[in-house]
C-alpha atoms as a PDB file:
ATOM      1  CA  MET A   1      -6.501  -6.760  21.789  1.00  0.00           C
ATOM      2  CA  ILE A   2      -4.749  -4.663  19.128  1.00  0.00           C
ATOM      3  CA  ALA A   3      -1.721  -4.088  21.360  1.00  0.00           C
ATOM      4  CA  GLN A   4      -1.397  -7.853  21.825  1.00  0.00           C
ATOM      5  CA  ASN A   5      -1.860  -8.409  18.104  1.00  0.00           C
ATOM      6  CA  ARG A   6       0.952  -5.958  17.444  1.00  0.00           C
ATOM      7  CA  GLU A   7       3.331  -7.893  19.676  1.00  0.00           C
ATOM      8  CA  ILE A   8       2.559 -11.103  17.794  1.00  0.00           C
ATOM      9  CA  LEU A   9       2.857  -9.375  14.431  1.00  0.00           C
ATOM     10  CA  GLU A  10       6.174  -7.744  15.350  1.00  0.00           C
ATOM     11  CA  ASP A  11       7.594 -11.101  16.415  1.00  0.00           C
ATOM     12  CA  ARG A  12       6.615 -12.670  13.100  1.00  0.00           C
ATOM     13  CA  ILE A  13       8.112  -9.750  11.172  1.00  0.00           C
ATOM     14  CA  ARG A  14      11.374  -9.920  13.123  1.00  0.00           C
ATOM     15  CA  ARG A  15      11.706 -13.646  12.496  1.00  0.00           C
ATOM     16  CA  ALA A  16      10.986 -13.199   8.771  1.00  0.00           C
ATOM     17  CA  CYS A  17      13.600 -10.432   8.608  1.00  0.00           C
ATOM     18  CA  GLU A  18      16.148 -12.685  10.304  1.00  0.00           C
ATOM     19  CA  ARG A  19      15.508 -15.435   7.747  1.00  0.00           C
ATOM     20  CA  ALA A  20      15.926 -12.943   4.915  1.00  0.00           C
ATOM     21  CA  GLY A  21      18.996 -11.245   6.387  1.00  0.00           C
ATOM     22  CA  ARG A  22      17.174  -7.930   6.652  1.00  0.00           C
ATOM     23  CA  GLU A  23      16.709  -5.289   9.354  1.00  0.00           C
ATOM     24  CA  ARG A  24      13.329  -4.708  10.976  1.00  0.00           C
ATOM     25  CA  ASP A  25      13.502  -0.971  10.338  1.00  0.00           C
ATOM     26  CA  GLU A  26      13.388  -1.627   6.573  1.00  0.00           C
ATOM     27  CA  ILE A  27       9.703  -2.533   6.923  1.00  0.00           C
ATOM     28  CA  CYS A  28       6.722  -0.159   7.234  1.00  0.00           C
ATOM     29  CA  ILE A  29       3.381  -1.550   8.416  1.00  0.00           C
ATOM     30  CA  VAL A  30       0.260   0.007   6.924  1.00  0.00           C
ATOM     31  CA  ALA A  31      -2.696  -0.953   9.103  1.00  0.00           C
ATOM     32  CA  VAL A  32      -5.544  -1.542   6.644  1.00  0.00           C
ATOM     33  CA  SER A  33      -8.495  -0.128   8.514  1.00  0.00           C
ATOM     34  CA  LYS A  34     -11.277  -0.398   5.921  1.00  0.00           C
ATOM     35  CA  THR A  35     -14.673  -1.235   7.486  1.00  0.00           C
ATOM     36  CA  PHE A  36     -13.286  -0.762  11.000  1.00  0.00           C
ATOM     37  CA  ALA A  37     -14.684   1.950  13.251  1.00  0.00           C
ATOM     38  CA  VAL A  38     -12.803   5.087  14.234  1.00  0.00           C
ATOM     39  CA  GLU A  39     -12.568   3.786  17.794  1.00  0.00           C
ATOM     40  CA  ARG A  40     -10.589   0.776  16.551  1.00  0.00           C
ATOM     41  CA  ILE A  41      -8.214   3.068  14.664  1.00  0.00           C
ATOM     42  CA  ARG A  42      -7.683   5.117  17.818  1.00  0.00           C
ATOM     43  CA  GLU A  43      -6.904   1.887  19.683  1.00  0.00           C
ATOM     44  CA  ALA A  44      -4.393   1.000  16.972  1.00  0.00           C
ATOM     45  CA  MET A  45      -2.814   4.442  17.248  1.00  0.00           C
ATOM     46  CA  ASP A  46      -2.504   3.971  21.008  1.00  0.00           C
ATOM     47  CA  ALA A  47      -0.756   0.654  20.274  1.00  0.00           C
ATOM     48  CA  GLY A  48       1.833   2.481  18.186  1.00  0.00           C
ATOM     49  CA  PHE A  49       0.566   2.287  14.613  1.00  0.00           C
ATOM     50  CA  ARG A  50       0.907   5.467  12.590  1.00  0.00           C
ATOM     51  CA  ASP A  51       0.158   4.490   8.973  1.00  0.00           C
ATOM     52  CA  PHE A  52      -3.389   3.509   8.003  1.00  0.00           C
ATOM     53  CA  GLY A  53      -4.696   2.288   4.665  1.00  0.00           C
ATOM     54  CA  GLU A  54      -8.189   2.749   3.247  1.00  0.00           C
ATOM     55  CA  ASN A  55      -9.763   1.304   0.094  1.00  0.00           C
ATOM     56  CA  TYR A  56     -12.638   3.725  -0.471  1.00  0.00           C
ATOM     57  CA  VAL A  57     -12.435   7.491  -0.763  1.00  0.00           C
ATOM     58  CA  GLN A  58     -15.726   8.211   1.009  1.00  0.00           C
ATOM     59  CA  GLU A  59     -14.766   6.051   3.984  1.00  0.00           C
ATOM     60  CA  LEU A  60     -11.340   7.665   4.141  1.00  0.00           C
ATOM     61  CA  GLU A  61     -12.898  11.127   4.085  1.00  0.00           C
ATOM     62  CA  GLU A  62     -15.291  10.238   6.898  1.00  0.00           C
ATOM     63  CA  LYS A  63     -12.518   8.865   9.086  1.00  0.00           C
ATOM     64  CA  ARG A  64     -10.177  11.743   8.370  1.00  0.00           C
ATOM     65  CA  SER A  65     -12.904  14.193   9.401  1.00  0.00           C
ATOM     66  CA  LYS A  66     -12.837  12.570  12.844  1.00  0.00           C
ATOM     67  CA  LEU A  67      -9.149  11.733  13.204  1.00  0.00           C
ATOM     68  CA  GLY A  68      -7.490  14.541  11.248  1.00  0.00           C
ATOM     69  CA  HIS A  69      -3.864  14.329  10.166  1.00  0.00           C
ATOM     70  CA  ASP A  70      -2.505  12.351  13.130  1.00  0.00           C
ATOM     71  CA  PRO A  71      -2.566   9.116  11.143  1.00  0.00           C
ATOM     72  CA  ARG A  72      -0.613   9.015   7.900  1.00  0.00           C
ATOM     73  CA  TRP A  73      -3.311   8.076   5.422  1.00  0.00           C
ATOM     74  CA  HIS A  74      -2.500   5.650   2.611  1.00  0.00           C
ATOM     75  CA  PHE A  75      -4.926   4.935  -0.209  1.00  0.00           C
ATOM     76  CA  VAL A  76      -4.574   1.251  -1.087  1.00  0.00           C
ATOM     77  CA  GLY A  77      -7.705   0.515  -3.149  1.00  0.00           C
ATOM     78  CA  HIS A  78      -8.624   1.043  -6.787  1.00  0.00           C
ATOM     79  CA  LEU A  79      -8.726   4.807  -7.355  1.00  0.00           C
ATOM     80  CA  GLN A  80     -11.069   6.421  -9.870  1.00  0.00           C
ATOM     81  CA  THR A  81      -9.964   9.658 -11.516  1.00  0.00           C
ATOM     82  CA  ASN A  82     -13.083  11.512 -10.340  1.00  0.00           C
ATOM     83  CA  LYS A  83     -12.203  10.769  -6.703  1.00  0.00           C
ATOM     84  CA  VAL A  84      -8.628  12.037  -6.778  1.00  0.00           C
ATOM     85  CA  LYS A  85      -9.686  15.592  -5.920  1.00  0.00           C
ATOM     86  CA  TYR A  86     -10.911  14.531  -2.491  1.00  0.00           C
ATOM     87  CA  ILE A  87      -7.614  13.076  -1.265  1.00  0.00           C
ATOM     88  CA  ALA A  88      -4.858  14.810  -3.253  1.00  0.00           C
ATOM     89  CA  GLY A  89      -4.452  17.539  -0.673  1.00  0.00           C
ATOM     90  CA  TYR A  90      -3.422  15.290   2.197  1.00  0.00           C
ATOM     91  CA  VAL A  91      -2.878  11.618   1.303  1.00  0.00           C
ATOM     92  CA  HIS A  92       0.537  10.331   2.388  1.00  0.00           C
ATOM     93  CA  LEU A  93       0.901   7.666  -0.321  1.00  0.00           C
ATOM     94  CA  ILE A  94      -1.319   6.318  -3.107  1.00  0.00           C
ATOM     95  CA  HIS A  95      -0.478   2.648  -3.689  1.00  0.00           C
ATOM     96  CA  SER A  96      -2.631   1.988  -6.729  1.00  0.00           C
ATOM     97  CA  VAL A  97      -1.712   4.076  -9.785  1.00  0.00           C
ATOM     98  CA  ASP A  98      -2.110   1.766 -12.780  1.00  0.00           C
ATOM     99  CA  ASN A  99      -2.488   4.101 -15.780  1.00  0.00           C
ATOM    100  CA  PHE A 100      -1.127   7.433 -16.984  1.00  0.00           C
ATOM    101  CA  ARG A 101      -4.523   9.119 -17.138  1.00  0.00           C
ATOM    102  CA  LEU A 102      -4.890   8.620 -13.390  1.00  0.00           C
ATOM    103  CA  ALA A 103      -1.369   9.964 -12.837  1.00  0.00           C
ATOM    104  CA  GLN A 104      -2.230  13.057 -14.911  1.00  0.00           C
ATOM    105  CA  GLU A 105      -5.306  13.675 -12.763  1.00  0.00           C
ATOM    106  CA  ILE A 106      -3.196  13.374  -9.617  1.00  0.00           C
ATOM    107  CA  GLN A 107      -0.763  15.865 -11.176  1.00  0.00           C
ATOM    108  CA  LYS A 108      -3.593  18.333 -11.833  1.00  0.00           C
ATOM    109  CA  ARG A 109      -5.018  18.042  -8.325  1.00  0.00           C
ATOM    110  CA  ALA A 110      -1.571  18.194  -6.730  1.00  0.00           C
ATOM    111  CA  GLU A 111      -0.889  21.472  -8.560  1.00  0.00           C
ATOM    112  CA  LYS A 112      -4.100  22.931  -7.147  1.00  0.00           C
ATOM    113  CA  ALA A 113      -3.102  21.748  -3.669  1.00  0.00           C
ATOM    114  CA  THR A 114       0.444  23.108  -4.173  1.00  0.00           C
ATOM    115  CA  ARG A 115       2.036  19.859  -3.052  1.00  0.00           C
ATOM    116  CA  THR A 116       3.714  16.792  -4.502  1.00  0.00           C
ATOM    117  CA  VAL A 117       1.819  13.513  -4.196  1.00  0.00           C
ATOM    118  CA  ASP A 118       3.770  10.322  -3.597  1.00  0.00           C
ATOM    119  CA  VAL A 119       2.557   7.218  -5.427  1.00  0.00           C
ATOM    120  CA  LEU A 120       3.294   3.588  -6.170  1.00  0.00           C
ATOM    121  CA  VAL A 121       2.538   1.890  -9.473  1.00  0.00           C
ATOM    122  CA  GLU A 122       0.219  -1.089  -9.060  1.00  0.00           C
ATOM    123  CA  VAL A 123       1.313  -4.113 -11.101  1.00  0.00           C
ATOM    124  CA  HIS A 124      -0.929  -7.034 -12.047  1.00  0.00           C
ATOM    125  CA  THR A 125       1.260 -10.065 -11.409  1.00  0.00           C
ATOM    126  CA  THR A 126      -1.202 -12.936 -11.012  1.00  0.00           C
ATOM    127  CA  GLY A 127      -3.319 -13.064 -14.180  1.00  0.00           C
ATOM    128  CA  GLU A 128      -6.518 -13.036 -12.085  1.00  0.00           C
ATOM    129  CA  ALA A 129      -9.315 -11.073 -13.756  1.00  0.00           C
ATOM    130  CA  THR A 130     -10.540  -9.642 -10.445  1.00  0.00           C
ATOM    131  CA  LYS A 131      -7.333  -7.712  -9.787  1.00  0.00           C
ATOM    132  CA  TYR A 132      -6.250  -4.315 -11.061  1.00  0.00           C
ATOM    133  CA  GLY A 133      -2.831  -3.149 -12.179  1.00  0.00           C
ATOM    134  CA  VAL A 134      -0.632  -2.454 -15.164  1.00  0.00           C
ATOM    135  CA  LEU A 135       0.817  -5.550 -16.827  1.00  0.00           C
ATOM    136  CA  PRO A 136       4.457  -6.291 -15.968  1.00  0.00           C
ATOM    137  CA  ASP A 137       5.696  -5.761 -19.522  1.00  0.00           C
ATOM    138  CA  ARG A 138       4.171  -2.249 -19.554  1.00  0.00           C
ATOM    139  CA  THR A 139       5.287  -1.207 -16.096  1.00  0.00           C
ATOM    140  CA  GLU A 140       8.614   0.360 -17.026  1.00  0.00           C
ATOM    141  CA  GLU A 141       6.963   2.563 -19.644  1.00  0.00           C
ATOM    142  CA  LEU A 142       4.314   3.759 -17.184  1.00  0.00           C
ATOM    143  CA  VAL A 143       6.916   4.515 -14.521  1.00  0.00           C
ATOM    144  CA  ARG A 144       8.929   6.564 -17.029  1.00  0.00           C
ATOM    145  CA  GLN A 145       5.808   8.513 -18.030  1.00  0.00           C
ATOM    146  CA  ILE A 146       4.918   9.319 -14.431  1.00  0.00           C
ATOM    147  CA  ALA A 147       8.517  10.229 -13.636  1.00  0.00           C
ATOM    148  CA  GLY A 148       8.115  13.072 -16.134  1.00  0.00           C
ATOM    149  CA  LEU A 149       5.439  14.735 -13.993  1.00  0.00           C
ATOM    150  CA  ASP A 150       6.656  17.336 -11.540  1.00  0.00           C
ATOM    151  CA  ARG A 151       3.885  16.983  -8.944  1.00  0.00           C
ATOM    152  CA  VAL A 152       3.711  13.178  -8.827  1.00  0.00           C
ATOM    153  CA  ARG A 153       6.623  11.259  -7.342  1.00  0.00           C
ATOM    154  CA  VAL A 154       6.936   7.510  -7.983  1.00  0.00           C
ATOM    155  CA  HIS A 155       8.369   5.749  -4.949  1.00  0.00           C
ATOM    156  CA  GLY A 156       8.033   2.150  -6.064  1.00  0.00           C
ATOM    157  CA  LEU A 157       5.669  -0.656  -6.984  1.00  0.00           C
ATOM    158  CA  MET A 158       2.719  -2.465  -5.453  1.00  0.00           C
ATOM    159  CA  THR A 159       1.089  -5.826  -6.097  1.00  0.00           C
ATOM    160  CA  MET A 160      -1.265  -8.394  -4.600  1.00  0.00           C
ATOM    161  CA  GLY A 161      -0.540 -12.087  -4.502  1.00  0.00           C
ATOM    162  CA  PRO A 162      -3.072 -14.656  -5.758  1.00  0.00           C
ATOM    163  CA  PHE A 163      -6.102 -15.757  -3.782  1.00  0.00           C
ATOM    164  CA  SER A 164      -4.726 -18.836  -2.040  1.00  0.00           C
ATOM    165  CA  ASP A 165      -4.472 -20.455   1.383  1.00  0.00           C
ATOM    166  CA  ASP A 166      -0.802 -21.219   0.752  1.00  0.00           C
ATOM    167  CA  PRO A 167       1.428 -18.163   1.346  1.00  0.00           C
ATOM    168  CA  ASN A 168       4.095 -19.602  -0.936  1.00  0.00           C
ATOM    169  CA  ASP A 169       1.732 -19.274  -3.885  1.00  0.00           C
ATOM    170  CA  SER A 170       2.419 -15.532  -3.640  1.00  0.00           C
ATOM    171  CA  ARG A 171       6.174 -15.938  -4.008  1.00  0.00           C
ATOM    172  CA  PRO A 172       6.295 -15.828  -7.850  1.00  0.00           C
ATOM    173  CA  SER A 173       4.246 -12.592  -7.874  1.00  0.00           C
ATOM    174  CA  PHE A 174       6.424 -10.963  -5.241  1.00  0.00           C
ATOM    175  CA  ARG A 175       9.630 -12.090  -6.913  1.00  0.00           C
ATOM    176  CA  ARG A 176       8.415 -10.715 -10.216  1.00  0.00           C
ATOM    177  CA  LEU A 177       7.763  -7.335  -8.609  1.00  0.00           C
ATOM    178  CA  SER A 178      11.233  -7.323  -7.047  1.00  0.00           C
ATOM    179  CA  ASP A 179      12.766  -8.102 -10.441  1.00  0.00           C
ATOM    180  CA  LEU A 180      10.783  -5.259 -12.029  1.00  0.00           C
ATOM    181  CA  LYS A 181      12.020  -2.859  -9.347  1.00  0.00           C
ATOM    182  CA  ARG A 182      15.638  -3.780 -10.074  1.00  0.00           C
ATOM    183  CA  ARG A 183      15.152  -3.389 -13.838  1.00  0.00           C
ATOM    184  CA  ILE A 184      13.624   0.063 -13.393  1.00  0.00           C
ATOM    185  CA  GLU A 185      16.408   1.118 -11.046  1.00  0.00           C
ATOM    186  CA  ASP A 186      18.900  -0.006 -13.695  1.00  0.00           C
ATOM    187  CA  GLN A 187      17.268   2.594 -15.979  1.00  0.00           C
ATOM    188  CA  GLY A 188      18.219   5.328 -13.501  1.00  0.00           C
ATOM    189  CA  ILE A 189      14.830   5.738 -11.808  1.00  0.00           C
ATOM    190  CA  PRO A 190      15.046   5.320  -7.991  1.00  0.00           C
ATOM    191  CA  MET A 191      12.557   2.862  -6.510  1.00  0.00           C
ATOM    192  CA  SER A 192      12.385   3.013  -2.723  1.00  0.00           C
ATOM    193  CA  HIS A 193       9.440   0.750  -1.990  1.00  0.00           C
ATOM    194  CA  LEU A 194       7.767  -2.543  -2.709  1.00  0.00           C
ATOM    195  CA  SER A 195       4.260  -2.637  -1.234  1.00  0.00           C
ATOM    196  CA  MET A 196       3.353  -6.306  -1.099  1.00  0.00           C
ATOM    197  CA  GLY A 197       2.207  -8.788   1.487  1.00  0.00           C
ATOM    198  CA  MET A 198      -0.940  -8.955   3.582  1.00  0.00           C
ATOM    199  CA  THR A 199      -1.909 -10.934   6.671  1.00  0.00           C
ATOM    200  CA  HIS A 200      -1.743 -14.331   4.960  1.00  0.00           C
ATOM    201  CA  ASP A 201       1.502 -13.878   3.000  1.00  0.00           C
ATOM    202  CA  PHE A 202       3.527 -10.996   4.476  1.00  0.00           C
ATOM    203  CA  GLU A 203       6.363 -13.241   5.664  1.00  0.00           C
ATOM    204  CA  VAL A 204       6.942 -14.452   2.114  1.00  0.00           C
ATOM    205  CA  ALA A 205       6.783 -10.814   0.982  1.00  0.00           C
ATOM    206  CA  ILE A 206       9.515  -9.850   3.443  1.00  0.00           C
ATOM    207  CA  GLU A 207      11.680 -12.677   2.144  1.00  0.00           C
ATOM    208  CA  GLU A 208      11.200 -11.317  -1.396  1.00  0.00           C
ATOM    209  CA  GLY A 209      12.051  -7.706  -0.551  1.00  0.00           C
ATOM    210  CA  ALA A 210       8.852  -5.974   0.632  1.00  0.00           C
ATOM    211  CA  THR A 211       9.313  -2.625   2.346  1.00  0.00           C
ATOM    212  CA  ILE A 212       5.604  -1.921   2.976  1.00  0.00           C
ATOM    213  CA  LEU A 213       3.177  -4.496   4.351  1.00  0.00           C
ATOM    214  CA  ARG A 214      -0.587  -3.912   4.113  1.00  0.00           C
ATOM    215  CA  ILE A 215      -1.938  -5.675   7.202  1.00  0.00           C
ATOM    216  CA  GLY A 216      -5.576  -5.735   8.296  1.00  0.00           C
ATOM    217  CA  THR A 217      -6.756  -8.955   9.945  1.00  0.00           C
ATOM    218  CA  ALA A 218      -3.569  -9.595  11.942  1.00  0.00           C
ATOM    219  CA  ILE A 219      -4.035  -6.185  13.572  1.00  0.00           C
ATOM    220  CA  PHE A 220      -7.782  -5.624  13.843  1.00  0.00           C
ATOM    221  CA  GLY A 221      -9.108  -9.187  13.705  1.00  0.00           C
ATOM    222  CA  GLU A 222     -11.612 -10.589  11.248  1.00  0.00           C
ATOM    223  CA  ARG A 223     -13.856  -8.084   9.526  1.00  0.00           C
ATOM    224  CA  LYS A 224     -17.547  -8.242  10.338  1.00  0.00           C
ATOM    225  CA  LYS A 225     -20.107  -7.040   7.851  1.00  0.00           C
ATOM    226  CA  LYS A 226     -22.147  -5.355  10.564  1.00  0.00           C
ATOM    227  CA  GLU A 227     -19.261  -3.312  11.984  1.00  0.00           C
ATOM    228  CA  ARG A 228     -19.802   0.403  11.558  1.00  0.00           C
ATOM    229  CA  THR A 229     -17.096   2.374   9.771  1.00  0.00           C
ATOM    230  CA  ILE A 230     -17.477   5.645  11.647  1.00  0.00           C
END
């Protein structure tokens, strides 16, 4: 099933790239595997996926203990400072840094692990109280602060669109993030990535400049509450 889902997903991505005048190889798919069992992740790996995103540190740790380093693990959920120590030694990319205190903790844990941790700054672009992220007008300052750390490397920005059945409702959020990226780059800070777009709105995200898509349902199917995570 996942191999078939990938074919459908790839076709949709290619068509969105054509509309936007972009190349397919500009886009990285992060398969969001939260709540899905290790066996489903292995199936996804067999289908060609390499990057996997998890929302909870404990679940990520459990899956990594079974799958090791073969997947590139992304942390895409809200990250608490007291959980950084568990993932700093191996995580490929943290998508959700939204304050300097968290960045400082990542710096401290990265020093202990003798590595540099790559991160994205999460930006709150919708005004919805249920979402995390630094406000747009404070984003540039936070990026500059993090850029001063030698063990934390800012690669770009992340956001979530609004809760809506209409993908186009996400366009203003995605466009705002793209504008922020350009403004920060104008200040001399390189920004490689925009992590935005999920199953319901990733085509709009591609049209607005996304380089990383966080896709769960279109790959694994609908989540079931009873599905085991390990």
